[in-house]
Amino acid sequence: MSDFPDYTYPVDISAQSITTVAIDIKASSIGNIPVSIEAVGSGVVIAVDIAAQSVGNLTVDIAAASIGNLPIDIAAQSVGNLKIDIAAQSLGQVDVNIAASAVTLNVQVEGTANVNIANAEVYLNVQQERKGFAWVYIGENSASGSLAYYKYYYLILWHGARAFIRSLSIGVKNSDTANDKTLKVRFYVWHSTAPLYETTITVEAGFDGTKTIYPLIYWNYDMLIVEIENPDTSNVGIYYTSGTQTNYYAFSNTQFNYTISSDLHIQVELRIADAGSIPVSGTVNTIQIPNVATVSDSGIQTIPLGETVTLVDVEGIGRVHFIMLYTRDSTNKWTIYIDDVKVFEFDIESMYGNYGLDNAGFGMQVTKYDASGDYYAMIIEVPFEFKRNFKITVHNSFGSDNSAAARAFISLIS
């Protein structure tokens, strides 16, 4: 390869059949690596392993009828753009493992995507997609069939109720020919909560037909309970179709008694998005990530004169909640590292004498300072969050060999 300049290594392969192509590059800096493969056969293995401090742009373009597994493992301090374009009729598994402190990941998938992100802070940007809207009528509202005379009537949508509620209509009869009746209408998200919407329906004296009201509200909840309270169970009834249970209806003289009934003629009109639409847009800043509590305990370690000993060294992503320190020499120098960066360096003697932490209560406290017996202890309740690692070291720079210990209570992302 000496005939080529140091920065360019062209590789051109034209073959009817290639079983294995392995590219292994170890360099301090790499510019651009375009890889283009057109294959129609099966059994092709492509492995790309790059260990470099800096990688410019890595473009992988594969057009194949069938691809097995495509592992991409990049360990680099800096990566420019990683573009992977795969057009295949059949794809087994794409495993992308990225270990970096800051990554912008763009994924565009037609179909189903399973994304697993392990990070202390996740910002999920969801773009709203509207494929169309439709009016949906749930239930019947005609003034026909049998009449149910009860105190309470219910239409319950256990799931999928998030929509714009345009109208509510009922098939109702008022047998009292002299007096109007007023039905109370309430919308609940759950029966043990207060109603989020209330209105009334006036049923005129002698009325027999369909009554419609227009709430014109956006219901931002997955569940909807429509309750209609009837003040006169002797004269006012709502129609129902005997023997059918198309939706979840209930009527009872006791509030929230959800004994399923035949289909009441209670109809709700919803404006909802068509199947496939995404009804949200924006950035979600609060994502619950599973974590596991753990304790890193060094036990009592000998600290030789002039040496630094690591007492706590935790790899992963998490938060430190509580730290306990013990030493036989108050001048030992303690250092706390977060993601390999020194964030706090101190000795217990200075914390006790110069900063008065013997009786402090704001996150750090020297809990024991026994100069006669050479026993010193300190606790730290200031939370430390880390994305790669957390470490505590102690250095003995004065006197003779001594001993020290550290214990940290940590929540790690599982």
Foldseek 3Di string as FASTA:
>chain_A
DVVDDPQDDDDDDDDLDDQEDEDEDEDQEHEEDEAEDEEADPNHDYAYHYEYQEYEEYEYEYEYQEDAEYEDDYDYQYYHYYHYHYDYVYYHDYDYDDDYPDDDDDDDDDDDDDDDDAFPWDKDFDAFDFPFKDKDKPFAAWLDADWAQAFKKKFKDAFAPQFFWFKKKFFKFFAAQPAKFKKKKFKDQDQVDDTPDIDIWIGGRGDGTMTMDTPRGGDHHGIIMIMIGGPDSPGMTTHFHPPAPPGQMDGHNDPPPRDGHGGTRMMIMGMDGDPPTDPDGGIDGDDDFAKDKDKQKQPKDKAFAQDKDWRDKFWAWWKWFKKKKKWLDQPKWKFKDAPNHTDDIDGNVCCCPVVPQCPDDDFKHWPDDDPVRSITMMMGRDMDTHGTMIIMMIHHHDDGMIIMIMMIIIIHRD
